PDB file of N, CA and C in Angstrom:
ATOM      1  N   MET A   1     112.767 176.292  95.740  1.00  0.00           N
ATOM      2  CA  MET A   1     113.232 175.307  96.672  1.00  0.00           C
ATOM      3  C   MET A   1     112.461 174.023  96.433  1.00  0.00           C
ATOM      4  N   ASP A   2     113.159 172.925  96.400  1.00  0.00           N
ATOM      5  CA  ASP A   2     112.559 171.625  96.130  1.00  0.00           C
ATOM      6  C   ASP A   2     112.352 170.904  97.471  1.00  0.00           C
ATOM      7  N   PHE A   3     111.102 170.881  97.915  1.00  0.00           N
ATOM      8  CA  PHE A   3     110.810 170.269  99.201  1.00  0.00           C
ATOM      9  C   PHE A   3     111.033 168.760  99.185  1.00  0.00           C
ATOM     10  N   SER A   4     111.053 168.141  98.025  1.00  0.00           N
ATOM     11  CA  SER A   4     111.249 166.691  97.965  1.00  0.00           C
ATOM     12  C   SER A   4     112.630 166.280  98.462  1.00  0.00           C
ATOM     13  N   THR A   5     113.563 167.240  98.557  1.00  0.00           N
ATOM     14  CA  THR A   5     114.872 166.906  99.091  1.00  0.00           C
ATOM     15  C   THR A   5     114.833 166.809 100.612  1.00  0.00           C
ATOM     16  N   PHE A   6     113.809 167.382 101.230  1.00  0.00           N
ATOM     17  CA  PHE A   6     113.707 167.363 102.687  1.00  0.00           C
ATOM     18  C   PHE A   6     112.625 166.390 103.180  1.00  0.00           C
ATOM     19  N   ILE A   7     111.486 166.423 102.525  1.00  0.00           N
ATOM     20  CA  ILE A   7     110.352 165.602 102.957  1.00  0.00           C
ATOM     21  C   ILE A   7     110.207 164.430 101.995  1.00  0.00           C
ATOM     22  N   PHE A   8     110.137 163.226 102.557  1.00  0.00           N
ATOM     23  CA  PHE A   8     109.995 162.025 101.729  1.00  0.00           C
ATOM     24  C   PHE A   8     108.626 162.022 101.049  1.00  0.00           C
ATOM     25  N   ASP A   9     108.589 161.395  99.875  1.00  0.00           N
ATOM     26  CA  ASP A   9     107.341 161.346  99.110  1.00  0.00           C
ATOM     27  C   ASP A   9     106.170 160.766  99.887  1.00  0.00           C
ATOM     28  N   GLN A  10     106.417 159.685 100.619  1.00  0.00           N
ATOM     29  CA  GLN A  10     105.302 159.036 101.339  1.00  0.00           C
ATOM     30  C   GLN A  10     104.768 159.895 102.475  1.00  0.00           C
ATOM     31  N   ALA A  11     105.532 160.897 102.933  1.00  0.00           N
ATOM     32  CA  ALA A  11     105.082 161.756 104.015  1.00  0.00           C
ATOM     33  C   ALA A  11     104.361 163.009 103.513  1.00  0.00           C
ATOM     34  N   LEU A  12     104.440 163.298 102.217  1.00  0.00           N
ATOM     35  CA  LEU A  12     103.826 164.519 101.691  1.00  0.00           C
ATOM     36  C   LEU A  12     102.326 164.564 101.897  1.00  0.00           C
ATOM     37  N   ILE A  13     101.660 163.415 101.890  1.00  0.00           N
ATOM     38  CA  ILE A  13     100.200 163.384 102.056  1.00  0.00           C
ATOM     39  C   ILE A  13      99.783 163.916 103.424  1.00  0.00           C
ATOM     40  N   LEU A  14     100.709 163.893 104.384  1.00  0.00           N
ATOM     41  CA  LEU A  14     100.395 164.372 105.721  1.00  0.00           C
ATOM     42  C   LEU A  14     100.183 165.885 105.767  1.00  0.00           C
ATOM     43  N   ILE A  15     100.801 166.631 104.840  1.00  0.00           N
ATOM     44  CA  ILE A  15     100.694 168.100 104.871  1.00  0.00           C
ATOM     45  C   ILE A  15      99.252 168.545 104.709  1.00  0.00           C
ATOM     46  N   PRO A  16      98.535 168.143 103.645  1.00  0.00           N
ATOM     47  CA  PRO A  16      97.128 168.586 103.548  1.00  0.00           C
ATOM     48  C   PRO A  16      96.263 167.994 104.638  1.00  0.00           C
ATOM     49  N   ALA A  17      96.577 166.767 105.084  1.00  0.00           N
ATOM     50  CA  ALA A  17      95.809 166.151 106.175  1.00  0.00           C
ATOM     51  C   ALA A  17      95.941 166.961 107.451  1.00  0.00           C
ATOM     52  N   LEU A  18      97.153 167.400 107.749  1.00  0.00           N
ATOM     53  CA  LEU A  18      97.375 168.208 108.961  1.00  0.00           C
ATOM     54  C   LEU A  18      96.739 169.606 108.805  1.00  0.00           C
ATOM     55  N   TYR A  19      96.778 170.126 107.601  1.00  0.00           N
ATOM     56  CA  TYR A  19      96.150 171.431 107.365  1.00  0.00           C
ATOM     57  C   TYR A  19      94.641 171.355 107.629  1.00  0.00           C
ATOM     58  N   VAL A  20      94.021 170.330 107.121  1.00  0.00           N
ATOM     59  CA  VAL A  20      92.578 170.140 107.337  1.00  0.00           C
ATOM     60  C   VAL A  20      92.286 169.921 108.823  1.00  0.00           C
ATOM     61  N   LEU A  21      93.110 169.122 109.477  1.00  0.00           N
ATOM     62  CA  LEU A  21      92.931 168.888 110.911  1.00  0.00           C
ATOM     63  C   LEU A  21      93.065 170.210 111.679  1.00  0.00           C
ATOM     64  N   GLY A  22      94.028 171.022 111.316  1.00  0.00           N
ATOM     65  CA  GLY A  22      94.195 172.321 111.951  1.00  0.00           C
ATOM     66  C   GLY A  22      92.987 173.219 111.748  1.00  0.00           C
ATOM     67  N   THR A  23      92.417 173.185 110.554  1.00  0.00           N
ATOM     68  CA  THR A  23      91.214 173.972 110.260  1.00  0.00           C
ATOM     69  C   THR A  23      90.031 173.499 111.126  1.00  0.00           C
ATOM     70  N   ILE A  24      89.913 172.208 111.298  1.00  0.00           N
ATOM     71  CA  ILE A  24      88.857 171.641 112.121  1.00  0.00           C
ATOM     72  C   ILE A  24      89.056 172.051 113.587  1.00  0.00           C
ATOM     73  N   LEU A  25      90.303 171.935 114.058  1.00  0.00           N
ATOM     74  CA  LEU A  25      90.613 172.295 115.452  1.00  0.00           C
ATOM     75  C   LEU A  25      90.357 173.787 115.699  1.00  0.00           C
ATOM     76  N   LYS A  26      90.598 174.603 114.699  1.00  0.00           N
ATOM     77  CA  LYS A  26      90.393 176.048 114.823  1.00  0.00           C
ATOM     78  C   LYS A  26      88.920 176.365 115.102  1.00  0.00           C
ATOM     79  N   GLU A  27      88.010 175.568 114.552  1.00  0.00           N
ATOM     80  CA  GLU A  27      86.599 175.806 114.727  1.00  0.00           C
ATOM     81  C   GLU A  27      86.087 175.318 116.093  1.00  0.00           C
ATOM     82  N   TRP A  28      86.871 174.537 116.784  1.00  0.00           N
ATOM     83  CA  TRP A  28      86.492 174.013 118.096  1.00  0.00           C
ATOM     84  C   TRP A  28      86.756 175.055 119.155  1.00  0.00           C
ATOM     85  N   ASP A  29      85.742 175.484 119.863  1.00  0.00           N
ATOM     86  CA  ASP A  29      85.900 176.514 120.861  1.00  0.00           C
ATOM     87  C   ASP A  29      86.686 176.027 122.102  1.00  0.00           C
ATOM     88  N   GLN A  30      86.669 174.735 122.342  1.00  0.00           N
ATOM     89  CA  GLN A  30      87.353 174.185 123.523  1.00  0.00           C
ATOM     90  C   GLN A  30      88.874 174.201 123.394  1.00  0.00           C
ATOM     91  N   ILE A  31      89.386 174.336 122.178  1.00  0.00           N
ATOM     92  CA  ILE A  31      90.827 174.314 121.952  1.00  0.00           C
ATOM     93  C   ILE A  31      91.299 175.720 121.610  1.00  0.00           C
ATOM     94  N   LYS A  32      92.242 176.232 122.408  1.00  0.00           N
ATOM     95  CA  LYS A  32      92.783 177.550 122.156  1.00  0.00           C
ATOM     96  C   LYS A  32      93.749 177.490 120.968  1.00  0.00           C
ATOM     97  N   ASP A  33      93.820 178.590 120.249  1.00  0.00           N
ATOM     98  CA  ASP A  33      94.634 178.648 119.028  1.00  0.00           C
ATOM     99  C   ASP A  33      96.112 178.325 119.274  1.00  0.00           C
ATOM    100  N   ASN A  34      96.618 178.707 120.425  1.00  0.00           N
ATOM    101  CA  ASN A  34      98.042 178.472 120.666  1.00  0.00           C
ATOM    102  C   ASN A  34      98.376 177.006 120.878  1.00  0.00           C
ATOM    103  N   TRP A  35      97.382 176.161 121.110  1.00  0.00           N
ATOM    104  CA  TRP A  35      97.638 174.732 121.252  1.00  0.00           C
ATOM    105  C   TRP A  35      97.565 173.979 119.927  1.00  0.00           C
ATOM    106  N   ILE A  36      97.023 174.585 118.893  1.00  0.00           N
ATOM    107  CA  ILE A  36      96.831 173.872 117.628  1.00  0.00           C
ATOM    108  C   ILE A  36      98.159 173.398 117.030  1.00  0.00           C
ATOM    109  N   PRO A  37      99.223 174.204 116.950  1.00  0.00           N
ATOM    110  CA  PRO A  37     100.486 173.671 116.399  1.00  0.00           C
ATOM    111  C   PRO A  37     101.044 172.494 117.186  1.00  0.00           C
ATOM    112  N   ALA A  38     100.901 172.505 118.510  1.00  0.00           N
ATOM    113  CA  ALA A  38     101.394 171.404 119.323  1.00  0.00           C
ATOM    114  C   ALA A  38     100.588 170.125 119.060  1.00  0.00           C
ATOM    115  N   ILE A  39      99.289 170.279 118.923  1.00  0.00           N
ATOM    116  CA  ILE A  39      98.432 169.127 118.610  1.00  0.00           C
ATOM    117  C   ILE A  39      98.767 168.582 117.235  1.00  0.00           C
ATOM    118  N   LEU A  40      98.964 169.474 116.288  1.00  0.00           N
ATOM    119  CA  LEU A  40      99.323 169.062 114.932  1.00  0.00           C
ATOM    120  C   LEU A  40     100.685 168.351 114.929  1.00  0.00           C
ATOM    121  N   LEU A  41     101.610 168.806 115.766  1.00  0.00           N
ATOM    122  CA  LEU A  41     102.919 168.168 115.854  1.00  0.00           C
ATOM    123  C   LEU A  41     102.803 166.724 116.319  1.00  0.00           C
ATOM    124  N   ILE A  42     101.954 166.491 117.301  1.00  0.00           N
ATOM    125  CA  ILE A  42     101.745 165.127 117.805  1.00  0.00           C
ATOM    126  C   ILE A  42     101.186 164.250 116.683  1.00  0.00           C
ATOM    127  N   PHE A  43     100.171 164.743 115.983  1.00  0.00           N
ATOM    128  CA  PHE A  43      99.588 163.988 114.887  1.00  0.00           C
ATOM    129  C   PHE A  43     100.572 163.829 113.726  1.00  0.00           C
ATOM    130  N   GLY A  44     101.360 164.858 113.444  1.00  0.00           N
ATOM    131  CA  GLY A  44     102.337 164.782 112.372  1.00  0.00           C
ATOM    132  C   GLY A  44     103.407 163.745 112.632  1.00  0.00           C
ATOM    133  N   VAL A  45     103.931 163.739 113.838  1.00  0.00           N
ATOM    134  CA  VAL A  45     104.965 162.740 114.195  1.00  0.00           C
ATOM    135  C   VAL A  45     104.344 161.333 114.201  1.00  0.00           C
ATOM    136  N   ALA A  46     103.160 161.194 114.772  1.00  0.00           N
ATOM    137  CA  ALA A  46     102.508 159.880 114.794  1.00  0.00           C
ATOM    138  C   ALA A  46     102.219 159.406 113.354  1.00  0.00           C
ATOM    139  N   GLY A  47     101.748 160.310 112.527  1.00  0.00           N
ATOM    140  CA  GLY A  47     101.485 159.967 111.141  1.00  0.00           C
ATOM    141  C   GLY A  47     102.738 159.576 110.381  1.00  0.00           C
ATOM    142  N   ALA A  48     103.825 160.287 110.613  1.00  0.00           N
ATOM    143  CA  ALA A  48     105.078 159.960 109.933  1.00  0.00           C
ATOM    144  C   ALA A  48     105.619 158.622 110.431  1.00  0.00           C
ATOM    145  N   LEU A  49     105.516 158.360 111.725  1.00  0.00           N
ATOM    146  CA  LEU A  49     105.951 157.076 112.251  1.00  0.00           C
ATOM    147  C   LEU A  49     105.168 155.941 111.601  1.00  0.00           C
ATOM    148  N   ALA A  50     103.859 156.135 111.424  1.00  0.00           N
ATOM    149  CA  ALA A  50     103.023 155.113 110.800  1.00  0.00           C
ATOM    150  C   ALA A  50     103.308 154.998 109.307  1.00  0.00           C
ATOM    151  N   MET A  51     103.448 156.129 108.621  1.00  0.00           N
ATOM    152  CA  MET A  51     103.670 156.106 107.173  1.00  0.00           C
ATOM    153  C   MET A  51     105.018 155.475 106.811  1.00  0.00           C
ATOM    154  N   MET A  52     105.990 155.648 107.671  1.00  0.00           N
ATOM    155  CA  MET A  52     107.334 155.121 107.377  1.00  0.00           C
ATOM    156  C   MET A  52     107.501 153.712 107.943  1.00  0.00           C
ATOM    157  N   GLY A  53     106.468 153.169 108.524  1.00  0.00           N
ATOM    158  CA  GLY A  53     106.497 151.792 108.973  1.00  0.00           C
ATOM    159  C   GLY A  53     107.425 151.524 110.129  1.00  0.00           C
ATOM    160  N   VAL A  54     107.490 152.471 111.053  1.00  0.00           N
ATOM    161  CA  VAL A  54     108.352 152.285 112.218  1.00  0.00           C
ATOM    162  C   VAL A  54     107.707 151.285 113.173  1.00  0.00           C
ATOM    163  N   THR A  55     108.476 150.321 113.591  1.00  0.00           N
ATOM    164  CA  THR A  55     108.041 149.295 114.532  1.00  0.00           C
ATOM    165  C   THR A  55     109.022 149.234 115.699  1.00  0.00           C
ATOM    166  N   PRO A  56     108.696 148.453 116.742  1.00  0.00           N
ATOM    167  CA  PRO A  56     109.646 148.326 117.840  1.00  0.00           C
ATOM    168  C   PRO A  56     111.002 147.760 117.414  1.00  0.00           C
ATOM    169  N   ARG A  57     111.034 147.094 116.279  1.00  0.00           N
ATOM    170  CA  ARG A  57     112.311 146.535 115.771  1.00  0.00           C
ATOM    171  C   ARG A  57     113.071 147.520 114.904  1.00  0.00           C
ATOM    172  N   SER A  58     112.538 148.702 114.674  1.00  0.00           N
ATOM    173  CA  SER A  58     113.207 149.693 113.842  1.00  0.00           C
ATOM    174  C   SER A  58     114.477 150.192 114.538  1.00  0.00           C
ATOM    175  N   THR A  59     115.424 150.603 113.729  1.00  0.00           N
ATOM    176  CA  THR A  59     116.673 151.129 114.273  1.00  0.00           C
ATOM    177  C   THR A  59     116.413 152.547 114.825  1.00  0.00           C
ATOM    178  N   PRO A  60     117.254 153.011 115.713  1.00  0.00           N
ATOM    179  CA  PRO A  60     117.104 154.389 116.217  1.00  0.00           C
ATOM    180  C   PRO A  60     117.165 155.427 115.102  1.00  0.00           C
ATOM    181  N   GLU A  61     117.964 155.166 114.076  1.00  0.00           N
ATOM    182  CA  GLU A  61     118.053 156.107 112.948  1.00  0.00           C
ATOM    183  C   GLU A  61     116.736 156.206 112.214  1.00  0.00           C
ATOM    184  N   GLU A  62     116.040 155.086 112.038  1.00  0.00           N
ATOM    185  CA  GLU A  62     114.753 155.092 111.356  1.00  0.00           C
ATOM    186  C   GLU A  62     113.699 155.842 112.179  1.00  0.00           C
ATOM    187  N   ILE A  63     113.757 155.666 113.478  1.00  0.00           N
ATOM    188  CA  ILE A  63     112.794 156.345 114.341  1.00  0.00           C
ATOM    189  C   ILE A  63     113.036 157.856 114.331  1.00  0.00           C
ATOM    190  N   VAL A  64     114.299 158.257 114.429  1.00  0.00           N
ATOM    191  CA  VAL A  64     114.637 159.684 114.389  1.00  0.00           C
ATOM    192  C   VAL A  64     114.259 160.287 113.068  1.00  0.00           C
ATOM    193  N   GLN A  65     114.527 159.552 112.007  1.00  0.00           N
ATOM    194  CA  GLN A  65     114.177 160.049 110.660  1.00  0.00           C
ATOM    195  C   GLN A  65     112.670 160.260 110.523  1.00  0.00           C
ATOM    196  N   ALA A  66     111.870 159.349 111.058  1.00  0.00           N
ATOM    197  CA  ALA A  66     110.423 159.493 111.000  1.00  0.00           C
ATOM    198  C   ALA A  66     109.941 160.675 111.840  1.00  0.00           C
ATOM    199  N   VAL A  67     110.560 160.864 113.007  1.00  0.00           N
ATOM    200  CA  VAL A  67     110.191 162.001 113.863  1.00  0.00           C
ATOM    201  C   VAL A  67     110.519 163.310 113.146  1.00  0.00           C
ATOM    202  N   VAL A  68     111.688 163.374 112.510  1.00  0.00           N
ATOM    203  CA  VAL A  68     112.070 164.584 111.775  1.00  0.00           C
ATOM    204  C   VAL A  68     111.083 164.823 110.634  1.00  0.00           C
ATOM    205  N   GLN A  69     110.676 163.774 109.939  1.00  0.00           N
ATOM    206  CA  GLN A  69     109.695 163.932 108.879  1.00  0.00           C
ATOM    207  C   GLN A  69     108.380 164.483 109.441  1.00  0.00           C
ATOM    208  N   GLY A  70     107.970 163.998 110.614  1.00  0.00           N
ATOM    209  CA  GLY A  70     106.743 164.495 111.246  1.00  0.00           C
ATOM    210  C   GLY A  70     106.857 165.981 111.573  1.00  0.00           C
ATOM    211  N   VAL A  71     108.011 166.392 112.065  1.00  0.00           N
ATOM    212  CA  VAL A  71     108.201 167.809 112.377  1.00  0.00           C
ATOM    213  C   VAL A  71     108.167 168.636 111.085  1.00  0.00           C
ATOM    214  N   LEU A  72     108.803 168.136 110.034  1.00  0.00           N
ATOM    215  CA  LEU A  72     108.839 168.887 108.761  1.00  0.00           C
ATOM    216  C   LEU A  72     107.451 169.031 108.150  1.00  0.00           C
ATOM    217  N   VAL A  73     106.651 167.943 108.142  1.00  0.00           N
ATOM    218  CA  VAL A  73     105.341 168.046 107.530  1.00  0.00           C
ATOM    219  C   VAL A  73     104.416 168.931 108.362  1.00  0.00           C
ATOM    220  N   THR A  74     104.579 168.894 109.683  1.00  0.00           N
ATOM    221  CA  THR A  74     103.798 169.784 110.539  1.00  0.00           C
ATOM    222  C   THR A  74     104.175 171.243 110.259  1.00  0.00           C
ATOM    223  N   GLY A  75     105.463 171.481 110.155  1.00  0.00           N
ATOM    224  CA  GLY A  75     105.919 172.846 109.841  1.00  0.00           C
ATOM    225  C   GLY A  75     105.381 173.313 108.493  1.00  0.00           C
ATOM    226  N   ALA A  76     105.361 172.431 107.517  1.00  0.00           N
ATOM    227  CA  ALA A  76     104.837 172.794 106.201  1.00  0.00           C
ATOM    228  C   ALA A  76     103.344 173.092 106.256  1.00  0.00           C
ATOM    229  N   ALA A  77     102.620 172.336 107.046  1.00  0.00           N
ATOM    230  CA  ALA A  77     101.161 172.577 107.184  1.00  0.00           C
ATOM    231  C   ALA A  77     100.881 173.897 107.856  1.00  0.00           C
ATOM    232  N   VAL A  78     101.610 174.181 108.949  1.00  0.00           N
ATOM    233  CA  VAL A  78     101.433 175.466 109.661  1.00  0.00           C
ATOM    234  C   VAL A  78     101.874 176.629 108.777  1.00  0.00           C
ATOM    235  N   TYR A  79     102.962 176.446 108.048  1.00  0.00           N
ATOM    236  CA  TYR A  79     103.453 177.484 107.144  1.00  0.00           C
ATOM    237  C   TYR A  79     102.424 177.762 106.039  1.00  0.00           C
ATOM    238  N   THR A  80     101.815 176.712 105.509  1.00  0.00           N
ATOM    239  CA  THR A  80     100.779 176.865 104.506  1.00  0.00           C
ATOM    240  C   THR A  80      99.615 177.671 105.048  1.00  0.00           C
ATOM    241  N   ASN A  81      99.214 177.371 106.269  1.00  0.00           N
ATOM    242  CA  ASN A  81      98.140 178.131 106.913  1.00  0.00           C
ATOM    243  C   ASN A  81      98.516 179.591 107.030  1.00  0.00           C
ATOM    244  N   GLN A  82      99.737 179.897 107.430  1.00  0.00           N
ATOM    245  CA  GLN A  82     100.179 181.282 107.588  1.00  0.00           C
ATOM    246  C   GLN A  82     100.236 181.988 106.237  1.00  0.00           C
ATOM    247  N   LEU A  83     100.686 181.294 105.183  1.00  0.00           N
ATOM    248  CA  LEU A  83     100.705 181.906 103.852  1.00  0.00           C
ATOM    249  C   LEU A  83      99.294 182.286 103.420  1.00  0.00           C
ATOM    250  N   ILE A  84      98.360 181.417 103.651  1.00  0.00           N
ATOM    251  CA  ILE A  84      96.978 181.678 103.261  1.00  0.00           C
ATOM    252  C   ILE A  84      96.434 182.860 104.058  1.00  0.00           C
ATOM    253  N   LYS A  85      96.690 182.888 105.362  1.00  0.00           N
ATOM    254  CA  LYS A  85      96.215 184.002 106.188  1.00  0.00           C
ATOM    255  C   LYS A  85      96.852 185.321 105.764  1.00  0.00           C
ATOM    256  N   GLN A  86      98.124 185.335 105.447  1.00  0.00           N
ATOM    257  CA  GLN A  86      98.788 186.559 105.010  1.00  0.00           C
ATOM    258  C   GLN A  86      98.265 187.017 103.643  1.00  0.00           C
ATOM    259  N   HIS A  87      97.971 186.046 102.782  1.00  0.00           N
ATOM    260  CA  HIS A  87      97.429 186.372 101.467  1.00  0.00           C
ATOM    261  C   HIS A  87      96.050 187.027 101.587  1.00  0.00           C
ATOM    262  N   GLN A  88      95.292 186.585 102.569  1.00  0.00           N
ATOM    263  CA  GLN A  88      93.952 187.139 102.783  1.00  0.00           C
ATOM    264  C   GLN A  88      93.972 188.498 103.438  1.00  0.00           C
ATOM    265  N   LYS A  89      95.123 188.946 103.945  1.00  0.00           N
ATOM    266  CA  LYS A  89      95.240 190.261 104.583  1.00  0.00           C
ATOM    267  C   LYS A  89      95.574 191.331 103.561  1.00  0.00           C
ATOM    268  N   THR A  90      94.864 191.378 102.487  1.00  0.00           N
ATOM    269  CA  THR A  90      95.052 192.417 101.503  1.00  0.00           C
ATOM    270  C   THR A  90      93.932 193.448 101.627  1.00  0.00           C
ATOM    271  N   ILE A  91      94.225 194.630 101.220  1.00  0.00           N
ATOM    272  CA  ILE A  91      93.217 195.698 101.269  1.00  0.00           C
ATOM    273  C   ILE A  91      92.243 195.479 100.103  1.00  0.00           C
ATOM    274  N   PRO A  92      90.949 195.338 100.381  1.00  0.00           N
ATOM    275  CA  PRO A  92      90.009 195.055  99.326  1.00  0.00           C
ATOM    276  C   PRO A  92      89.882 196.163  98.300  1.00  0.00           C
ATOM    277  N   ASP A  93      90.162 197.414  98.664  1.00  0.00           N
ATOM    278  CA  ASP A  93      89.961 198.534  97.736  1.00  0.00           C
ATOM    279  C   ASP A  93      90.916 198.480  96.550  1.00  0.00           C
ATOM    280  N   ASP A  94      92.210 198.351  96.814  1.00  0.00           N
ATOM    281  CA  ASP A  94      93.159 198.400  95.704  1.00  0.00           C
ATOM    282  C   ASP A  94      93.968 197.113  95.556  1.00  0.00           C
ATOM    283  N   GLY A  95      93.729 196.130  96.420  1.00  0.00           N
ATOM    284  CA  GLY A  95      94.428 194.859  96.293  1.00  0.00           C
ATOM    285  C   GLY A  95      95.880 194.868  96.736  1.00  0.00           C
ATOM    286  N   LYS A  96      96.332 195.951  97.357  1.00  0.00           N
ATOM    287  CA  LYS A  96      97.721 196.018  97.815  1.00  0.00           C
ATOM    288  C   LYS A  96      97.831 195.426  99.214  1.00  0.00           C
ATOM    289  N   ASP A  97      99.004 194.975  99.522  1.00  0.00           N
ATOM    290  CA  ASP A  97      99.292 194.418 100.836  1.00  0.00           C
ATOM    291  C   ASP A  97      99.266 195.504 101.888  1.00  0.00           C
ATOM    292  N   GLU A  98      98.734 195.207 103.086  1.00  0.00           N
ATOM    293  CA  GLU A  98      98.689 196.196 104.168  1.00  0.00           C
ATOM    294  C   GLU A  98     100.075 196.615 104.595  1.00  0.00           C
ATOM    295  N   ASN A  99     101.050 195.731 104.493  1.00  0.00           N
ATOM    296  CA  ASN A  99     102.397 196.002 104.955  1.00  0.00           C
ATOM    297  C   ASN A  99     103.306 196.549 103.854  1.00  0.00           C
ATOM    298  N   ALA A 100     102.752 196.900 102.716  1.00  0.00           N
ATOM    299  CA  ALA A 100     103.570 197.332 101.571  1.00  0.00           C
ATOM    300  C   ALA A 100     104.372 198.572 101.880  1.00  0.00           C
ATOM    301  N   GLY A 101     103.853 199.485 102.682  1.00  0.00           N
ATOM    302  CA  GLY A 101     104.578 200.707 103.000  1.00  0.00           C
ATOM    303  C   GLY A 101     105.510 200.588 104.172  1.00  0.00           C
ATOM    304  N   ALA A 102     105.493 199.465 104.853  1.00  0.00           N
ATOM    305  CA  ALA A 102     106.305 199.301 106.054  1.00  0.00           C
ATOM    306  C   ALA A 102     107.727 198.908 105.724  1.00  0.00           C
TER     307      ALA A 102
END
């Protein structure tokens, strides 16, 4: 799957930035884990609005497009985190996945 058909090139930099932000938030005891995706969504949308140069004079289509880009990059960052967590859930003895027999 070619993500460049969904996420604009200028918004791709937000994915690792949001991933790192999520990792930092995870270490903060004051923030519960279930709030991290919502916080990342706020930063993702704000970052996409800024990266795409949305201003008060922007058309509604440009604003919606930037918001959608923010949602997509946030989803990609959270998905990346989940892929890494699932990859780390391997049995150290034989290297097989815990869910292989399920």
